[in-house]
mmCIF file of all heavy atoms, coordinates in Angstrom:
data_MODEL
# 
_entry.id   MODEL 
# 
loop_
_atom_site.group_PDB 
_atom_site.id 
_atom_site.type_symbol 
_atom_site.label_atom_id 
_atom_site.label_alt_id 
_atom_site.label_comp_id 
_atom_site.label_asym_id 
_atom_site.label_entity_id 
_atom_site.label_seq_id 
_atom_site.pdbx_PDB_ins_code 
_atom_site.Cartn_x 
_atom_site.Cartn_y 
_atom_site.Cartn_z 
_atom_site.occupancy 
_atom_site.B_iso_or_equiv 
_atom_site.pdbx_formal_charge 
_atom_site.auth_seq_id 
_atom_site.auth_comp_id 
_atom_site.auth_asym_id 
_atom_site.auth_atom_id 
_atom_site.pdbx_PDB_model_num 
ATOM 1   N N   . LEU A 1 1  ? -48.882 -62.152 -6.328  1.00 0.00 ? 1  LEU A N   1 
ATOM 2   C CA  . LEU A 1 1  ? -47.637 -62.849 -6.000  1.00 0.00 ? 1  LEU A CA  1 
ATOM 3   C C   . LEU A 1 1  ? -47.956 -64.066 -5.110  1.00 0.00 ? 1  LEU A C   1 
ATOM 4   O O   . LEU A 1 1  ? -48.740 -63.961 -4.170  1.00 0.00 ? 1  LEU A O   1 
ATOM 5   C CB  . LEU A 1 1  ? -46.675 -61.912 -5.278  1.00 0.00 ? 1  LEU A CB  1 
ATOM 6   C CG  . LEU A 1 1  ? -45.315 -62.471 -4.908  1.00 0.00 ? 1  LEU A CG  1 
ATOM 7   C CD1 . LEU A 1 1  ? -44.527 -62.845 -6.168  1.00 0.00 ? 1  LEU A CD1 1 
ATOM 8   C CD2 . LEU A 1 1  ? -44.528 -61.457 -4.093  1.00 0.00 ? 1  LEU A CD2 1 
ATOM 9   N N   . ASN A 1 2  ? -47.390 -65.200 -5.447  1.00 0.00 ? 2  ASN A N   1 
ATOM 10  C CA  . ASN A 1 2  ? -47.615 -66.495 -4.786  1.00 0.00 ? 2  ASN A CA  1 
ATOM 11  C C   . ASN A 1 2  ? -49.026 -67.039 -5.023  1.00 0.00 ? 2  ASN A C   1 
ATOM 12  O O   . ASN A 1 2  ? -49.428 -68.013 -4.400  1.00 0.00 ? 2  ASN A O   1 
ATOM 13  C CB  . ASN A 1 2  ? -47.326 -66.432 -3.282  1.00 0.00 ? 2  ASN A CB  1 
ATOM 14  C CG  . ASN A 1 2  ? -45.883 -66.146 -2.993  1.00 0.00 ? 2  ASN A CG  1 
ATOM 15  O OD1 . ASN A 1 2  ? -45.017 -66.692 -3.666  1.00 0.00 ? 2  ASN A OD1 1 
ATOM 16  N ND2 . ASN A 1 2  ? -45.618 -65.303 -2.025  1.00 0.00 ? 2  ASN A ND2 1 
ATOM 17  N N   . GLY A 1 3  ? -49.775 -66.427 -5.932  1.00 0.00 ? 3  GLY A N   1 
ATOM 18  C CA  . GLY A 1 3  ? -51.114 -66.916 -6.260  1.00 0.00 ? 3  GLY A CA  1 
ATOM 19  C C   . GLY A 1 3  ? -51.085 -67.816 -7.483  1.00 0.00 ? 3  GLY A C   1 
ATOM 20  O O   . GLY A 1 3  ? -50.200 -67.716 -8.336  1.00 0.00 ? 3  GLY A O   1 
ATOM 21  N N   . GLN A 1 4  ? -52.060 -68.683 -7.578  1.00 0.00 ? 4  GLN A N   1 
ATOM 22  C CA  . GLN A 1 4  ? -52.177 -69.608 -8.713  1.00 0.00 ? 4  GLN A CA  1 
ATOM 23  C C   . GLN A 1 4  ? -52.564 -68.857 -9.977  1.00 0.00 ? 4  GLN A C   1 
ATOM 24  O O   . GLN A 1 4  ? -53.439 -67.985 -9.936  1.00 0.00 ? 4  GLN A O   1 
ATOM 25  C CB  . GLN A 1 4  ? -53.230 -70.681 -8.408  1.00 0.00 ? 4  GLN A CB  1 
ATOM 26  C CG  . GLN A 1 4  ? -52.820 -71.632 -7.305  1.00 0.00 ? 4  GLN A CG  1 
ATOM 27  C CD  . GLN A 1 4  ? -51.687 -72.549 -7.720  1.00 0.00 ? 4  GLN A CD  1 
ATOM 28  O OE1 . GLN A 1 4  ? -51.624 -72.992 -8.853  1.00 0.00 ? 4  GLN A OE1 1 
ATOM 29  N NE2 . GLN A 1 4  ? -50.791 -72.814 -6.790  1.00 0.00 ? 4  GLN A NE2 1 
ATOM 30  N N   . VAL A 1 5  ? -51.915 -69.209 -11.086 1.00 0.00 ? 5  VAL A N   1 
ATOM 31  C CA  . VAL A 1 5  ? -52.210 -68.591 -12.366 1.00 0.00 ? 5  VAL A CA  1 
ATOM 32  C C   . VAL A 1 5  ? -52.181 -69.657 -13.470 1.00 0.00 ? 5  VAL A C   1 
ATOM 33  O O   . VAL A 1 5  ? -51.594 -70.716 -13.307 1.00 0.00 ? 5  VAL A O   1 
ATOM 34  C CB  . VAL A 1 5  ? -51.225 -67.483 -12.738 1.00 0.00 ? 5  VAL A CB  1 
ATOM 35  C CG1 . VAL A 1 5  ? -51.345 -66.289 -11.826 1.00 0.00 ? 5  VAL A CG1 1 
ATOM 36  C CG2 . VAL A 1 5  ? -49.813 -67.975 -12.789 1.00 0.00 ? 5  VAL A CG2 1 
ATOM 37  N N   . SER A 1 6  ? -52.819 -69.310 -14.550 1.00 0.00 ? 6  SER A N   1 
ATOM 38  C CA  . SER A 1 6  ? -52.749 -70.094 -15.761 1.00 0.00 ? 6  SER A CA  1 
ATOM 39  C C   . SER A 1 6  ? -52.339 -69.139 -16.885 1.00 0.00 ? 6  SER A C   1 
ATOM 40  O O   . SER A 1 6  ? -53.019 -68.143 -17.132 1.00 0.00 ? 6  SER A O   1 
ATOM 41  C CB  . SER A 1 6  ? -54.107 -70.717 -16.063 1.00 0.00 ? 6  SER A CB  1 
ATOM 42  O OG  . SER A 1 6  ? -54.069 -71.411 -17.281 1.00 0.00 ? 6  SER A OG  1 
ATOM 43  N N   . VAL A 1 7  ? -51.201 -69.414 -17.503 1.00 0.00 ? 7  VAL A N   1 
ATOM 44  C CA  . VAL A 1 7  ? -50.682 -68.536 -18.545 1.00 0.00 ? 7  VAL A CA  1 
ATOM 45  C C   . VAL A 1 7  ? -50.784 -69.267 -19.884 1.00 0.00 ? 7  VAL A C   1 
ATOM 46  O O   . VAL A 1 7  ? -50.259 -70.368 -20.032 1.00 0.00 ? 7  VAL A O   1 
ATOM 47  C CB  . VAL A 1 7  ? -49.195 -68.159 -18.264 1.00 0.00 ? 7  VAL A CB  1 
ATOM 48  C CG1 . VAL A 1 7  ? -48.666 -67.257 -19.356 1.00 0.00 ? 7  VAL A CG1 1 
ATOM 49  C CG2 . VAL A 1 7  ? -49.079 -67.469 -16.902 1.00 0.00 ? 7  VAL A CG2 1 
ATOM 50  N N   . SER A 1 8  ? -51.457 -68.629 -20.842 1.00 0.00 ? 8  SER A N   1 
ATOM 51  C CA  . SER A 1 8  ? -51.532 -69.175 -22.190 1.00 0.00 ? 8  SER A CA  1 
ATOM 52  C C   . SER A 1 8  ? -50.507 -68.447 -23.035 1.00 0.00 ? 8  SER A C   1 
ATOM 53  O O   . SER A 1 8  ? -50.505 -67.212 -23.096 1.00 0.00 ? 8  SER A O   1 
ATOM 54  C CB  . SER A 1 8  ? -52.927 -68.943 -22.776 1.00 0.00 ? 8  SER A CB  1 
ATOM 55  O OG  . SER A 1 8  ? -53.900 -69.598 -22.022 1.00 0.00 ? 8  SER A OG  1 
ATOM 56  N N   . VAL A 1 9  ? -49.646 -69.227 -23.684 1.00 0.00 ? 9  VAL A N   1 
ATOM 57  C CA  . VAL A 1 9  ? -48.587 -68.644 -24.507 1.00 0.00 ? 9  VAL A CA  1 
ATOM 58  C C   . VAL A 1 9  ? -48.923 -68.918 -25.979 1.00 0.00 ? 9  VAL A C   1 
ATOM 59  O O   . VAL A 1 9  ? -49.139 -70.056 -26.362 1.00 0.00 ? 9  VAL A O   1 
ATOM 60  C CB  . VAL A 1 9  ? -47.210 -69.275 -24.161 1.00 0.00 ? 9  VAL A CB  1 
ATOM 61  C CG1 . VAL A 1 9  ? -46.115 -68.654 -25.014 1.00 0.00 ? 9  VAL A CG1 1 
ATOM 62  C CG2 . VAL A 1 9  ? -46.918 -69.098 -22.676 1.00 0.00 ? 9  VAL A CG2 1 
ATOM 63  N N   . PHE A 1 10 ? -48.992 -67.844 -26.735 1.00 0.00 ? 10 PHE A N   1 
ATOM 64  C CA  . PHE A 1 10 ? -49.315 -67.934 -28.145 1.00 0.00 ? 10 PHE A CA  1 
ATOM 65  C C   . PHE A 1 10 ? -48.009 -67.838 -28.933 1.00 0.00 ? 10 PHE A C   1 
ATOM 66  O O   . PHE A 1 10 ? -47.463 -66.756 -29.131 1.00 0.00 ? 10 PHE A O   1 
ATOM 67  C CB  . PHE A 1 10 ? -50.298 -66.832 -28.556 1.00 0.00 ? 10 PHE A CB  1 
ATOM 68  C CG  . PHE A 1 10 ? -51.501 -66.781 -27.662 1.00 0.00 ? 10 PHE A CG  1 
ATOM 69  C CD1 . PHE A 1 10 ? -51.680 -65.762 -26.763 1.00 0.00 ? 10 PHE A CD1 1 
ATOM 70  C CD2 . PHE A 1 10 ? -52.440 -67.802 -27.685 1.00 0.00 ? 10 PHE A CD2 1 
ATOM 71  C CE1 . PHE A 1 10 ? -52.783 -65.698 -25.911 1.00 0.00 ? 10 PHE A CE1 1 
ATOM 72  C CE2 . PHE A 1 10 ? -53.542 -67.779 -26.866 1.00 0.00 ? 10 PHE A CE2 1 
ATOM 73  C CZ  . PHE A 1 10 ? -53.719 -66.724 -25.985 1.00 0.00 ? 10 PHE A CZ  1 
ATOM 74  N N   . GLY A 1 11 ? -47.482 -68.988 -29.370 1.00 0.00 ? 11 GLY A N   1 
ATOM 75  C CA  . GLY A 1 11 ? -46.190 -69.039 -30.040 1.00 0.00 ? 11 GLY A CA  1 
ATOM 76  C C   . GLY A 1 11 ? -46.277 -68.908 -31.533 1.00 0.00 ? 11 GLY A C   1 
ATOM 77  O O   . GLY A 1 11 ? -47.350 -68.677 -32.111 1.00 0.00 ? 11 GLY A O   1 
ATOM 78  N N   . LEU A 1 12 ? -45.142 -69.075 -32.174 1.00 0.00 ? 12 LEU A N   1 
ATOM 79  C CA  . LEU A 1 12 ? -45.058 -69.010 -33.618 1.00 0.00 ? 12 LEU A CA  1 
ATOM 80  C C   . LEU A 1 12 ? -45.678 -70.248 -34.242 1.00 0.00 ? 12 LEU A C   1 
ATOM 81  O O   . LEU A 1 12 ? -45.695 -71.318 -33.660 1.00 0.00 ? 12 LEU A O   1 
ATOM 82  C CB  . LEU A 1 12 ? -43.587 -68.905 -34.040 1.00 0.00 ? 12 LEU A CB  1 
ATOM 83  C CG  . LEU A 1 12 ? -42.860 -67.666 -33.553 1.00 0.00 ? 12 LEU A CG  1 
ATOM 84  C CD1 . LEU A 1 12 ? -41.371 -67.762 -33.897 1.00 0.00 ? 12 LEU A CD1 1 
ATOM 85  C CD2 . LEU A 1 12 ? -43.455 -66.411 -34.154 1.00 0.00 ? 12 LEU A CD2 1 
ATOM 86  N N   . ARG A 1 13 ? -46.177 -70.068 -35.438 1.00 0.00 ? 13 ARG A N   1 
ATOM 87  C CA  . ARG A 1 13 ? -46.754 -71.168 -36.203 1.00 0.00 ? 13 ARG A CA  1 
ATOM 88  C C   . ARG A 1 13 ? -47.835 -71.904 -35.440 1.00 0.00 ? 13 ARG A C   1 
ATOM 89  O O   . ARG A 1 13 ? -47.908 -73.137 -35.455 1.00 0.00 ? 13 ARG A O   1 
ATOM 90  C CB  . ARG A 1 13 ? -45.676 -72.126 -36.668 1.00 0.00 ? 13 ARG A CB  1 
ATOM 91  C CG  . ARG A 1 13 ? -44.676 -71.486 -37.569 1.00 0.00 ? 13 ARG A CG  1 
ATOM 92  C CD  . ARG A 1 13 ? -43.683 -72.475 -38.060 1.00 0.00 ? 13 ARG A CD  1 
ATOM 93  N NE  . ARG A 1 13 ? -42.698 -71.790 -38.907 1.00 0.00 ? 13 ARG A NE  1 
ATOM 94  C CZ  . ARG A 1 13 ? -41.475 -72.175 -39.067 1.00 0.00 ? 13 ARG A CZ  1 
ATOM 95  N NH1 . ARG A 1 13 ? -41.038 -73.268 -38.459 1.00 0.00 ? 13 ARG A NH1 1 
ATOM 96  N NH2 . ARG A 1 13 ? -40.672 -71.502 -39.842 1.00 0.00 ? 13 ARG A NH2 1 
ATOM 97  N N   . ASN A 1 14 ? -48.661 -71.180 -34.717 1.00 0.00 ? 14 ASN A N   1 
ATOM 98  C CA  . ASN A 1 14 ? -49.797 -71.744 -33.981 1.00 0.00 ? 14 ASN A CA  1 
ATOM 99  C C   . ASN A 1 14 ? -49.398 -72.785 -32.946 1.00 0.00 ? 14 ASN A C   1 
ATOM 100 O O   . ASN A 1 14 ? -50.166 -73.681 -32.644 1.00 0.00 ? 14 ASN A O   1 
ATOM 101 C CB  . ASN A 1 14 ? -50.844 -72.318 -34.930 1.00 0.00 ? 14 ASN A CB  1 
ATOM 102 C CG  . ASN A 1 14 ? -51.468 -71.232 -35.786 1.00 0.00 ? 14 ASN A CG  1 
ATOM 103 O OD1 . ASN A 1 14 ? -51.630 -70.097 -35.324 1.00 0.00 ? 14 ASN A OD1 1 
ATOM 104 N ND2 . ASN A 1 14 ? -51.796 -71.570 -37.019 1.00 0.00 ? 14 ASN A ND2 1 
ATOM 105 N N   . LYS A 1 15 ? -48.193 -72.691 -32.415 1.00 0.00 ? 15 LYS A N   1 
ATOM 106 C CA  . LYS A 1 15 ? -47.764 -73.598 -31.357 1.00 0.00 ? 15 LYS A CA  1 
ATOM 107 C C   . LYS A 1 15 ? -48.037 -72.919 -30.028 1.00 0.00 ? 15 LYS A C   1 
ATOM 108 O O   . LYS A 1 15 ? -47.211 -72.179 -29.506 1.00 0.00 ? 15 LYS A O   1 
ATOM 109 C CB  . LYS A 1 15 ? -46.289 -73.940 -31.505 1.00 0.00 ? 15 LYS A CB  1 
ATOM 110 C CG  . LYS A 1 15 ? -46.031 -74.747 -32.748 1.00 0.00 ? 15 LYS A CG  1 
ATOM 111 C CD  . LYS A 1 15 ? -44.624 -75.282 -32.794 1.00 0.00 ? 15 LYS A CD  1 
ATOM 112 C CE  . LYS A 1 15 ? -44.476 -76.110 -34.065 1.00 0.00 ? 15 LYS A CE  1 
ATOM 113 N NZ  . LYS A 1 15 ? -43.206 -76.738 -34.167 1.00 0.00 ? 15 LYS A NZ  1 
ATOM 114 N N   . ASN A 1 16 ? -49.194 -73.178 -29.496 1.00 0.00 ? 16 ASN A N   1 
ATOM 115 C CA  . ASN A 1 16 ? -49.612 -72.595 -28.221 1.00 0.00 ? 16 ASN A CA  1 
ATOM 116 C C   . ASN A 1 16 ? -49.455 -73.611 -27.120 1.00 0.00 ? 16 ASN A C   1 
ATOM 117 O O   . ASN A 1 16 ? -49.589 -74.806 -27.331 1.00 0.00 ? 16 ASN A O   1 
ATOM 118 C CB  . ASN A 1 16 ? -51.084 -72.163 -28.313 1.00 0.00 ? 16 ASN A CB  1 
ATOM 119 C CG  . ASN A 1 16 ? -51.325 -71.201 -29.456 1.00 0.00 ? 16 ASN A CG  1 
ATOM 120 O OD1 . ASN A 1 16 ? -50.450 -70.460 -29.848 1.00 0.00 ? 16 ASN A OD1 1 
ATOM 121 N ND2 . ASN A 1 16 ? -52.525 -71.210 -29.998 1.00 0.00 ? 16 ASN A ND2 1 
ATOM 122 N N   . TYR A 1 17 ? -49.154 -73.103 -25.929 1.00 0.00 ? 17 TYR A N   1 
ATOM 123 C CA  . TYR A 1 17 ? -49.082 -74.001 -24.770 1.00 0.00 ? 17 TYR A CA  1 
ATOM 124 C C   . TYR A 1 17 ? -49.526 -73.265 -23.531 1.00 0.00 ? 17 TYR A C   1 
ATOM 125 O O   . TYR A 1 17 ? -49.640 -72.052 -23.498 1.00 0.00 ? 17 TYR A O   1 
ATOM 126 C CB  . TYR A 1 17 ? -47.682 -74.615 -24.617 1.00 0.00 ? 17 TYR A CB  1 
ATOM 127 C CG  . TYR A 1 17 ? -46.562 -73.653 -24.347 1.00 0.00 ? 17 TYR A CG  1 
ATOM 128 C CD1 . TYR A 1 17 ? -46.168 -73.350 -23.039 1.00 0.00 ? 17 TYR A CD1 1 
ATOM 129 C CD2 . TYR A 1 17 ? -45.877 -73.048 -25.384 1.00 0.00 ? 17 TYR A CD2 1 
ATOM 130 C CE1 . TYR A 1 17 ? -45.138 -72.465 -22.771 1.00 0.00 ? 17 TYR A CE1 1 
ATOM 131 C CE2 . TYR A 1 17 ? -44.850 -72.157 -25.131 1.00 0.00 ? 17 TYR A CE2 1 
ATOM 132 C CZ  . TYR A 1 17 ? -44.488 -71.885 -23.837 1.00 0.00 ? 17 TYR A CZ  1 
ATOM 133 O OH  . TYR A 1 17 ? -43.473 -71.013 -23.590 1.00 0.00 ? 17 TYR A OH  1 
ATOM 134 N N   . GLN A 1 18 ? -49.763 -74.018 -22.489 1.00 0.00 ? 18 GLN A N   1 
ATOM 135 C CA  . GLN A 1 18 ? -50.314 -73.528 -21.229 1.00 0.00 ? 18 GLN A CA  1 
ATOM 136 C C   . GLN A 1 18 ? -49.301 -73.764 -20.125 1.00 0.00 ? 18 GLN A C   1 
ATOM 137 O O   . GLN A 1 18 ? -48.682 -74.822 -20.054 1.00 0.00 ? 18 GLN A O   1 
ATOM 138 C CB  . GLN A 1 18 ? -51.611 -74.308 -20.922 1.00 0.00 ? 18 GLN A CB  1 
ATOM 139 C CG  . GLN A 1 18 ? -52.440 -73.694 -19.859 1.00 0.00 ? 18 GLN A CG  1 
ATOM 140 C CD  . GLN A 1 18 ? -53.509 -72.796 -20.476 1.00 0.00 ? 18 GLN A CD  1 
ATOM 141 O OE1 . GLN A 1 18 ? -53.643 -72.718 -21.676 1.00 0.00 ? 18 GLN A OE1 1 
ATOM 142 N NE2 . GLN A 1 18 ? -54.241 -72.133 -19.653 1.00 0.00 ? 18 GLN A NE2 1 
ATOM 143 N N   . VAL A 1 19 ? -49.150 -72.784 -19.234 1.00 0.00 ? 19 VAL A N   1 
ATOM 144 C CA  . VAL A 1 19 ? -48.306 -72.908 -18.037 1.00 0.00 ? 19 VAL A CA  1 
ATOM 145 C C   . VAL A 1 19 ? -49.215 -72.712 -16.830 1.00 0.00 ? 19 VAL A C   1 
ATOM 146 O O   . VAL A 1 19 ? -49.850 -71.676 -16.698 1.00 0.00 ? 19 VAL A O   1 
ATOM 147 C CB  . VAL A 1 19 ? -47.168 -71.869 -18.034 1.00 0.00 ? 19 VAL A CB  1 
ATOM 148 C CG1 . VAL A 1 19 ? -46.363 -71.964 -16.758 1.00 0.00 ? 19 VAL A CG1 1 
ATOM 149 C CG2 . VAL A 1 19 ? -46.281 -72.041 -19.256 1.00 0.00 ? 19 VAL A CG2 1 
ATOM 150 N N   . ASN A 1 20 ? -49.314 -73.737 -15.978 1.00 0.00 ? 20 ASN A N   1 
ATOM 151 C CA  . ASN A 1 20 ? -50.123 -73.652 -14.776 1.00 0.00 ? 20 ASN A CA  1 
ATOM 152 C C   . ASN A 1 20 ? -49.220 -73.748 -13.558 1.00 0.00 ? 20 ASN A C   1 
ATOM 153 O O   . ASN A 1 20 ? -48.471 -74.715 -13.427 1.00 0.00 ? 20 ASN A O   1 
ATOM 154 C CB  . ASN A 1 20 ? -51.153 -74.787 -14.736 1.00 0.00 ? 20 ASN A CB  1 
ATOM 155 C CG  . ASN A 1 20 ? -52.140 -74.693 -15.867 1.00 0.00 ? 20 ASN A CG  1 
ATOM 156 O OD1 . ASN A 1 20 ? -52.743 -73.659 -16.088 1.00 0.00 ? 20 ASN A OD1 1 
ATOM 157 N ND2 . ASN A 1 20 ? -52.281 -75.782 -16.622 1.00 0.00 ? 20 ASN A ND2 1 
ATOM 158 N N   . GLY A 1 21 ? -49.290 -72.733 -12.704 1.00 0.00 ? 21 GLY A N   1 
ATOM 159 C CA  . GLY A 1 21 ? -48.420 -72.717 -11.527 1.00 0.00 ? 21 GLY A CA  1 
ATOM 160 C C   . GLY A 1 21 ? -48.769 -71.502 -10.666 1.00 0.00 ? 21 GLY A C   1 
ATOM 161 O O   . GLY A 1 21 ? -49.896 -71.078 -10.637 1.00 0.00 ? 21 GLY A O   1 
ATOM 162 N N   . TYR A 1 22 ? -47.729 -70.970 -10.015 1.00 0.00 ? 22 TYR A N   1 
ATOM 163 C CA  . TYR A 1 22 ? -47.939 -69.780 -9.185  1.00 0.00 ? 22 TYR A CA  1 
ATOM 164 C C   . TYR A 1 22 ? -46.846 -68.770 -9.488  1.00 0.00 ? 22 TYR A C   1 
ATOM 165 O O   . TYR A 1 22 ? -45.753 -69.123 -9.916  1.00 0.00 ? 22 TYR A O   1 
ATOM 166 C CB  . TYR A 1 22 ? -47.964 -70.147 -7.705  1.00 0.00 ? 22 TYR A CB  1 
ATOM 167 C CG  . TYR A 1 22 ? -46.676 -70.683 -7.157  1.00 0.00 ? 22 TYR A CG  1 
ATOM 168 C CD1 . TYR A 1 22 ? -45.730 -69.825 -6.588  1.00 0.00 ? 22 TYR A CD1 1 
ATOM 169 C CD2 . TYR A 1 22 ? -46.365 -72.033 -7.224  1.00 0.00 ? 22 TYR A CD2 1 
ATOM 170 C CE1 . TYR A 1 22 ? -44.536 -70.322 -6.100  1.00 0.00 ? 22 TYR A CE1 1 
ATOM 171 C CE2 . TYR A 1 22 ? -45.180 -72.530 -6.728  1.00 0.00 ? 22 TYR A CE2 1 
ATOM 172 C CZ  . TYR A 1 22 ? -44.264 -71.660 -6.165  1.00 0.00 ? 22 TYR A CZ  1 
ATOM 173 O OH  . TYR A 1 22 ? -43.073 -72.155 -5.683  1.00 0.00 ? 22 TYR A OH  1 
ATOM 174 N N   . ILE A 1 23 ? -47.179 -67.501 -9.299  1.00 0.00 ? 23 ILE A N   1 
ATOM 175 C CA  . ILE A 1 23 ? -46.213 -66.421 -9.527  1.00 0.00 ? 23 ILE A CA  1 
ATOM 176 C C   . ILE A 1 23 ? -45.227 -66.457 -8.379  1.00 0.00 ? 23 ILE A C   1 
ATOM 177 O O   . ILE A 1 23 ? -45.592 -66.215 -7.238  1.00 0.00 ? 23 ILE A O   1 
ATOM 178 C CB  . ILE A 1 23 ? -46.918 -65.063 -9.628  1.00 0.00 ? 23 ILE A CB  1 
ATOM 179 C CG1 . ILE A 1 23 ? -47.887 -65.052 -10.800 1.00 0.00 ? 23 ILE A CG1 1 
ATOM 180 C CG2 . ILE A 1 23 ? -45.885 -63.938 -9.783  1.00 0.00 ? 23 ILE A CG2 1 
ATOM 181 C CD1 . ILE A 1 23 ? -48.743 -63.804 -10.900 1.00 0.00 ? 23 ILE A CD1 1 
ATOM 182 N N   . SER A 1 24 ? -43.980 -66.793 -8.695  1.00 0.00 ? 24 SER A N   1 
ATOM 183 C CA  . SER A 1 24 ? -42.987 -66.976 -7.628  1.00 0.00 ? 24 SER A CA  1 
ATOM 184 C C   . SER A 1 24 ? -42.147 -65.726 -7.369  1.00 0.00 ? 24 SER A C   1 
ATOM 185 O O   . SER A 1 24 ? -41.732 -65.486 -6.241  1.00 0.00 ? 24 SER A O   1 
ATOM 186 C CB  . SER A 1 24 ? -42.081 -68.157 -7.958  1.00 0.00 ? 24 SER A CB  1 
ATOM 187 O OG  . SER A 1 24 ? -41.464 -67.977 -9.217  1.00 0.00 ? 24 SER A OG  1 
ATOM 188 N N   . ASN A 1 25 ? -41.879 -64.928 -8.370  1.00 0.00 ? 25 ASN A N   1 
ATOM 189 C CA  . ASN A 1 25 ? -41.086 -63.709 -8.218  1.00 0.00 ? 25 ASN A CA  1 
ATOM 190 C C   . ASN A 1 25 ? -41.595 -62.614 -9.143  1.00 0.00 ? 25 ASN A C   1 
ATOM 191 O O   . ASN A 1 25 ? -42.088 -62.902 -10.243 1.00 0.00 ? 25 ASN A O   1 
ATOM 192 C CB  . ASN A 1 25 ? -39.614 -63.961 -8.528  1.00 0.00 ? 25 ASN A CB  1 
ATOM 193 C CG  . ASN A 1 25 ? -38.944 -64.829 -7.503  1.00 0.00 ? 25 ASN A CG  1 
ATOM 194 O OD1 . ASN A 1 25 ? -38.945 -64.503 -6.317  1.00 0.00 ? 25 ASN A OD1 1 
ATOM 195 N ND2 . ASN A 1 25 ? -38.403 -65.949 -7.935  1.00 0.00 ? 25 ASN A ND2 1 
# 
């Protein structure tokens, strides 16, 4: 919690994206 993370999201039709931030809640 409150630590830095990088989340990789594997979406439909090979639409992947990255979320870089911190766990807030």
